Amino acid sequence: MPEFLIQTLVSLMALLLWFLAVSLLARTLGVRLPPRWPGRKNTVQSRTFSQHLWIVGVLYWGCSMFIVTTLWDYLDWKYWDGPSRDLSLGRVLFGAVWWPASGLFFGWMTWNNRDSA
């Protein structure tokens, strides 16, 4: 149980740091993400389709999933004798391509639901 809690806390901290990095990266795309939740709806509705795909799909979802799953596997292998096959170069490279690509699909699927955000 303590292993699961530590893995979860470390992964969540990495995820929160990534969300901060995404808000800074989004500014390079010309999108200012609001620091507070009430201003989120207007910002979401003002995005173009490509901005939505890249910010919500690839950066927020795809890269976040890659970071969390890779970090989770690393902690499992390094500290709790988990399988090292989860960290082989092939699997990490596959995840580096798979998660952002699936993030594009996620962004495309959520594009029509952005009005209800």
N, C-alpha and C. Protein backbone atom coordinates (compact mmCIF):
# COMPACT_ATOMS: atom_id res chain seq x y z
N MET A 1 0.81 -1.21 0.00
CA MET A 1 0.00 0.00 0.00
C MET A 1 0.85 1.26 0.00
N PRO A 2 1.94 1.34 0.80
CA PRO A 2 2.73 2.57 0.75
C PRO A 2 3.39 2.79 -0.61
N GLU A 3 3.73 1.72 -1.32
CA GLU A 3 4.33 1.86 -2.64
C GLU A 3 3.35 2.53 -3.60
N PHE A 4 2.11 2.08 -3.55
CA PHE A 4 1.09 2.65 -4.42
C PHE A 4 0.89 4.13 -4.11
N LEU A 5 0.87 4.48 -2.84
CA LEU A 5 0.67 5.87 -2.44
C LEU A 5 1.83 6.74 -2.91
N ILE A 6 3.04 6.26 -2.76
CA ILE A 6 4.21 7.02 -3.19
C ILE A 6 4.21 7.20 -4.70
N GLN A 7 3.93 6.12 -5.43
CA GLN A 7 3.87 6.21 -6.89
C GLN A 7 2.79 7.20 -7.32
N THR A 8 1.66 7.15 -6.67
CA THR A 8 0.57 8.05 -7.01
C THR A 8 0.94 9.50 -6.74
N LEU A 9 1.51 9.78 -5.57
CA LEU A 9 1.86 11.15 -5.22
C LEU A 9 2.94 11.71 -6.14
N VAL A 10 3.96 10.92 -6.43
CA VAL A 10 5.03 11.40 -7.31
C VAL A 10 4.48 11.63 -8.72
N SER A 11 3.66 10.73 -9.21
CA SER A 11 3.08 10.89 -10.54
C SER A 11 2.16 12.10 -10.61
N LEU A 12 1.38 12.32 -9.57
CA LEU A 12 0.50 13.50 -9.56
C LEU A 12 1.28 14.80 -9.49
N MET A 13 2.36 14.81 -8.74
CA MET A 13 3.20 16.02 -8.70
C MET A 13 3.81 16.30 -10.07
N ALA A 14 4.26 15.26 -10.75
CA ALA A 14 4.81 15.44 -12.09
C ALA A 14 3.72 15.94 -13.04
N LEU A 15 2.51 15.42 -12.87
CA LEU A 15 1.39 15.84 -13.71
C LEU A 15 1.06 17.31 -13.48
N LEU A 16 1.04 17.75 -12.25
CA LEU A 16 0.76 19.16 -11.95
C LEU A 16 1.85 20.07 -12.51
N LEU A 17 3.09 19.65 -12.41
CA LEU A 17 4.18 20.43 -13.01
C LEU A 17 4.05 20.49 -14.53
N TRP A 18 3.61 19.39 -15.12
CA TRP A 18 3.40 19.39 -16.57
C TRP A 18 2.28 20.34 -16.96
N PHE A 19 1.20 20.38 -16.18
CA PHE A 19 0.10 21.30 -16.48
C PHE A 19 0.58 22.75 -16.42
N LEU A 20 1.46 23.05 -15.50
CA LEU A 20 2.05 24.39 -15.44
C LEU A 20 2.88 24.66 -16.68
N ALA A 21 3.66 23.67 -17.10
CA ALA A 21 4.46 23.82 -18.31
C ALA A 21 3.57 24.00 -19.54
N VAL A 22 2.45 23.30 -19.59
CA VAL A 22 1.54 23.43 -20.74
C VAL A 22 0.97 24.83 -20.81
N SER A 23 0.62 25.40 -19.67
CA SER A 23 0.07 26.76 -19.70
C SER A 23 1.11 27.74 -20.23
N LEU A 24 2.39 27.48 -19.96
CA LEU A 24 3.44 28.34 -20.52
C LEU A 24 3.65 28.06 -22.01
N LEU A 25 3.58 26.78 -22.40
CA LEU A 25 3.72 26.43 -23.82
C LEU A 25 2.55 26.96 -24.65
N ALA A 26 1.37 27.00 -24.06
CA ALA A 26 0.19 27.47 -24.78
C ALA A 26 0.34 28.94 -25.16
N ARG A 27 1.05 29.68 -24.37
CA ARG A 27 1.27 31.09 -24.69
C ARG A 27 2.03 31.25 -25.99
N THR A 28 2.90 30.30 -26.31
CA THR A 28 3.61 30.37 -27.59
C THR A 28 2.67 30.15 -28.77
N LEU A 29 1.55 29.48 -28.52
CA LEU A 29 0.53 29.29 -29.55
C LEU A 29 -0.47 30.44 -29.57
N GLY A 30 -0.27 31.41 -28.71
CA GLY A 30 -1.15 32.56 -28.67
C GLY A 30 -2.39 32.37 -27.83
N VAL A 31 -2.40 31.36 -26.97
CA VAL A 31 -3.56 31.09 -26.12
C VAL A 31 -3.15 31.33 -24.67
N ARG A 32 -3.83 32.24 -24.04
CA ARG A 32 -3.57 32.48 -22.63
C ARG A 32 -4.58 31.68 -21.81
N LEU A 33 -4.05 30.72 -21.08
CA LEU A 33 -4.92 29.91 -20.23
C LEU A 33 -5.13 30.62 -18.91
N PRO A 34 -6.37 30.73 -18.47
CA PRO A 34 -6.64 31.46 -17.24
C PRO A 34 -6.16 30.69 -16.02
N PRO A 35 -5.66 31.39 -15.01
CA PRO A 35 -5.22 30.70 -13.80
C PRO A 35 -6.37 30.21 -12.94
N ARG A 36 -7.55 30.77 -13.14
CA ARG A 36 -8.70 30.36 -12.33
C ARG A 36 -9.73 29.67 -13.21
N TRP A 37 -10.54 28.84 -12.60
CA TRP A 37 -11.55 28.06 -13.33
C TRP A 37 -12.66 28.90 -13.96
N PRO A 38 -13.20 29.96 -13.31
CA PRO A 38 -14.33 30.67 -13.92
C PRO A 38 -14.03 31.24 -15.31
N GLY A 39 -12.80 31.59 -15.60
CA GLY A 39 -12.48 32.13 -16.91
C GLY A 39 -12.20 31.09 -17.96
N ARG A 40 -12.31 29.84 -17.62
CA ARG A 40 -11.94 28.75 -18.53
C ARG A 40 -12.88 28.66 -19.73
N LYS A 41 -14.16 28.85 -19.55
CA LYS A 41 -15.11 28.63 -20.63
C LYS A 41 -14.85 29.56 -21.83
N ASN A 42 -14.61 30.83 -21.58
CA ASN A 42 -14.35 31.75 -22.68
C ASN A 42 -13.06 31.41 -23.40
N THR A 43 -12.05 30.98 -22.67
CA THR A 43 -10.78 30.62 -23.30
C THR A 43 -10.93 29.37 -24.15
N VAL A 44 -11.66 28.39 -23.66
CA VAL A 44 -11.86 27.15 -24.41
C VAL A 44 -12.64 27.43 -25.69
N GLN A 45 -13.64 28.27 -25.64
CA GLN A 45 -14.45 28.54 -26.81
C GLN A 45 -13.73 29.40 -27.84
N SER A 46 -12.71 30.14 -27.41
CA SER A 46 -12.02 31.01 -28.35
C SER A 46 -10.88 30.31 -29.09
N ARG A 47 -10.61 29.06 -28.80
CA ARG A 47 -9.53 28.34 -29.48
C ARG A 47 -9.95 27.91 -30.87
N THR A 48 -8.96 27.86 -31.75
CA THR A 48 -9.21 27.29 -33.07
C THR A 48 -9.12 25.77 -32.95
N PHE A 49 -9.50 25.10 -34.01
CA PHE A 49 -9.47 23.64 -34.00
C PHE A 49 -8.05 23.11 -33.78
N SER A 50 -7.08 23.69 -34.48
CA SER A 50 -5.69 23.21 -34.33
C SER A 50 -5.15 23.52 -32.94
N GLN A 51 -5.50 24.67 -32.37
CA GLN A 51 -5.07 24.98 -31.01
C GLN A 51 -5.67 23.99 -30.02
N HIS A 52 -6.93 23.66 -30.22
CA HIS A 52 -7.59 22.68 -29.35
C HIS A 52 -6.92 21.32 -29.45
N LEU A 53 -6.62 20.89 -30.68
CA LEU A 53 -5.96 19.59 -30.86
C LEU A 53 -4.62 19.55 -30.14
N TRP A 54 -3.81 20.59 -30.32
CA TRP A 54 -2.47 20.59 -29.74
C TRP A 54 -2.48 20.81 -28.24
N ILE A 55 -3.28 21.74 -27.76
CA ILE A 55 -3.25 22.04 -26.32
C ILE A 55 -3.98 20.98 -25.52
N VAL A 56 -5.24 20.73 -25.84
CA VAL A 56 -6.03 19.78 -25.06
C VAL A 56 -5.64 18.35 -25.39
N GLY A 57 -5.52 18.04 -26.68
CA GLY A 57 -5.24 16.67 -27.07
C GLY A 57 -3.81 16.23 -26.80
N VAL A 58 -2.88 16.88 -27.48
CA VAL A 58 -1.49 16.42 -27.41
C VAL A 58 -0.82 16.81 -26.10
N LEU A 59 -0.87 18.09 -25.75
CA LEU A 59 -0.14 18.54 -24.56
C LEU A 59 -0.80 18.11 -23.26
N TYR A 60 -2.09 18.44 -23.10
CA TYR A 60 -2.74 18.11 -21.84
C TYR A 60 -2.96 16.62 -21.65
N TRP A 61 -3.46 15.95 -22.69
CA TRP A 61 -3.82 14.54 -22.51
C TRP A 61 -2.71 13.59 -22.93
N GLY A 62 -2.25 13.70 -24.17
CA GLY A 62 -1.27 12.74 -24.68
C GLY A 62 0.06 12.76 -23.94
N CYS A 63 0.67 13.94 -23.84
CA CYS A 63 1.96 14.02 -23.15
C CYS A 63 1.82 13.76 -21.66
N SER A 64 0.71 14.16 -21.08
CA SER A 64 0.48 13.87 -19.65
C SER A 64 0.42 12.38 -19.39
N MET A 65 -0.29 11.66 -20.25
CA MET A 65 -0.37 10.22 -20.08
C MET A 65 0.99 9.56 -20.27
N PHE A 66 1.78 10.05 -21.22
CA PHE A 66 3.12 9.49 -21.42
C PHE A 66 3.99 9.74 -20.19
N ILE A 67 3.96 10.93 -19.66
CA ILE A 67 4.77 11.26 -18.48
C ILE A 67 4.36 10.41 -17.29
N VAL A 68 3.07 10.34 -17.02
CA VAL A 68 2.60 9.60 -15.84
C VAL A 68 2.88 8.11 -15.98
N THR A 69 2.59 7.51 -17.12
CA THR A 69 2.81 6.07 -17.25
C THR A 69 4.29 5.71 -17.23
N THR A 70 5.13 6.53 -17.85
CA THR A 70 6.57 6.25 -17.82
C THR A 70 7.13 6.42 -16.42
N LEU A 71 6.73 7.48 -15.73
CA LEU A 71 7.19 7.69 -14.37
C LEU A 71 6.70 6.58 -13.45
N TRP A 72 5.47 6.17 -13.62
CA TRP A 72 4.90 5.08 -12.83
C TRP A 72 5.71 3.79 -13.02
N ASP A 73 5.99 3.45 -14.29
CA ASP A 73 6.78 2.24 -14.58
C ASP A 73 8.19 2.36 -14.02
N TYR A 74 8.78 3.54 -14.11
CA TYR A 74 10.13 3.73 -13.59
C TYR A 74 10.16 3.53 -12.08
N LEU A 75 9.23 4.15 -11.37
CA LEU A 75 9.20 3.99 -9.91
C LEU A 75 8.94 2.54 -9.52
N ASP A 76 8.07 1.88 -10.26
CA ASP A 76 7.78 0.48 -9.98
C ASP A 76 9.03 -0.39 -10.18
N TRP A 77 9.78 -0.12 -11.23
CA TRP A 77 11.00 -0.89 -11.50
C TRP A 77 12.12 -0.53 -10.52
N LYS A 78 12.33 0.75 -10.29
CA LYS A 78 13.48 1.20 -9.50
C LYS A 78 13.36 0.86 -8.02
N TYR A 79 12.18 1.03 -7.46
CA TYR A 79 12.06 0.91 -6.01
C TYR A 79 11.28 -0.31 -5.53
N TRP A 80 10.46 -0.92 -6.39
CA TRP A 80 9.64 -2.02 -5.92
C TRP A 80 9.76 -3.28 -6.77
N ASP A 81 10.89 -3.45 -7.41
CA ASP A 81 11.20 -4.67 -8.17
C ASP A 81 10.16 -5.02 -9.22
N GLY A 82 9.63 -4.02 -9.86
CA GLY A 82 8.69 -4.27 -10.96
C GLY A 82 9.44 -4.75 -12.19
N PRO A 83 8.73 -5.15 -13.23
CA PRO A 83 9.38 -5.68 -14.43
C PRO A 83 10.14 -4.60 -15.19
N SER A 84 11.36 -4.90 -15.56
CA SER A 84 12.16 -3.92 -16.31
C SER A 84 11.74 -3.86 -17.77
N ARG A 85 10.97 -4.83 -18.23
CA ARG A 85 10.53 -4.81 -19.63
C ARG A 85 9.65 -3.59 -19.92
N ASP A 86 9.01 -3.04 -18.88
CA ASP A 86 8.17 -1.86 -19.09
C ASP A 86 8.98 -0.62 -19.42
N LEU A 87 10.29 -0.67 -19.15
CA LEU A 87 11.14 0.49 -19.43
C LEU A 87 12.13 0.23 -20.56
N SER A 88 11.87 -0.75 -21.38
CA SER A 88 12.77 -0.99 -22.51
C SER A 88 12.67 0.20 -23.48
N LEU A 89 13.72 0.42 -24.23
CA LEU A 89 13.76 1.55 -25.15
C LEU A 89 12.61 1.50 -26.14
N GLY A 90 12.31 0.32 -26.63
CA GLY A 90 11.21 0.17 -27.59
C GLY A 90 9.86 0.57 -27.01
N ARG A 91 9.59 0.16 -25.78
CA ARG A 91 8.31 0.51 -25.14
C ARG A 91 8.21 1.99 -24.83
N VAL A 92 9.32 2.59 -24.40
CA VAL A 92 9.31 4.03 -24.10
C VAL A 92 9.13 4.83 -25.39
N LEU A 93 9.83 4.45 -26.45
CA LEU A 93 9.65 5.14 -27.73
C LEU A 93 8.25 4.94 -28.29
N PHE A 94 7.72 3.73 -28.14
CA PHE A 94 6.34 3.48 -28.57
C PHE A 94 5.38 4.38 -27.81
N GLY A 95 5.57 4.49 -26.49
CA GLY A 95 4.72 5.37 -25.69
C GLY A 95 4.87 6.83 -26.06
N ALA A 96 6.09 7.24 -26.43
CA ALA A 96 6.34 8.63 -26.83
C ALA A 96 5.62 8.97 -28.13
N VAL A 97 5.34 7.97 -28.94
CA VAL A 97 4.59 8.20 -30.18
C VAL A 97 3.10 7.93 -29.97
N TRP A 98 2.79 6.85 -29.27
CA TRP A 98 1.41 6.42 -29.09
C TRP A 98 0.57 7.44 -28.31
N TRP A 99 1.05 7.90 -27.16
CA TRP A 99 0.25 8.78 -26.33
C TRP A 99 -0.05 10.12 -26.99
N PRO A 100 0.93 10.83 -27.57
CA PRO A 100 0.57 12.07 -28.28
C PRO A 100 -0.34 11.83 -29.48
N ALA A 101 -0.15 10.73 -30.19
CA ALA A 101 -1.03 10.42 -31.32
C ALA A 101 -2.45 10.16 -30.84
N SER A 102 -2.58 9.44 -29.74
CA SER A 102 -3.92 9.22 -29.20
C SER A 102 -4.47 10.52 -28.62
N GLY A 103 -3.59 11.43 -28.22
CA GLY A 103 -4.03 12.75 -27.78
C GLY A 103 -4.66 13.54 -28.91
N LEU A 104 -4.15 13.38 -30.13
CA LEU A 104 -4.79 14.02 -31.28
C LEU A 104 -6.22 13.52 -31.44
N PHE A 105 -6.40 12.22 -31.30
CA PHE A 105 -7.74 11.64 -31.39
C PHE A 105 -8.62 12.18 -30.26
N PHE A 106 -8.07 12.25 -29.06
CA PHE A 106 -8.82 12.77 -27.91
C PHE A 106 -9.23 14.23 -28.16
N GLY A 107 -8.32 15.04 -28.68
CA GLY A 107 -8.65 16.43 -28.99
C GLY A 107 -9.73 16.54 -30.05
N TRP A 108 -9.66 15.67 -31.05
CA TRP A 108 -10.67 15.67 -32.10
C TRP A 108 -12.03 15.28 -31.53
N MET A 109 -12.04 14.28 -30.65
CA MET A 109 -13.31 13.83 -30.06
C MET A 109 -13.91 14.88 -29.14
N THR A 110 -13.07 15.66 -28.45
CA THR A 110 -13.59 16.65 -27.51
C THR A 110 -13.86 18.00 -28.17
N TRP A 111 -13.53 18.17 -29.44
CA TRP A 111 -13.73 19.46 -30.11
C TRP A 111 -15.21 19.84 -30.11
N ASN A 112 -16.11 18.92 -30.36
CA ASN A 112 -17.54 19.24 -30.40
C ASN A 112 -18.12 19.48 -29.02
N ASN A 113 -17.44 19.01 -27.96
CA ASN A 113 -17.94 19.19 -26.60
C ASN A 113 -17.37 20.42 -25.92
N ARG A 114 -16.61 21.24 -26.62
CA ARG A 114 -15.95 22.37 -25.98
C ARG A 114 -16.94 23.43 -25.54
N ASP A 115 -18.11 23.51 -26.16
CA ASP A 115 -19.11 24.51 -25.77
C ASP A 115 -19.69 24.25 -24.41
N SER A 116 -19.67 23.00 -23.96
CA SER A 116 -20.23 22.67 -22.67
C SER A 116 -19.20 22.74 -21.55
N ALA A 117 -17.95 23.08 -21.89
CA ALA A 117 -16.89 23.14 -20.86
C ALA A 117 -17.03 24.34 -19.98
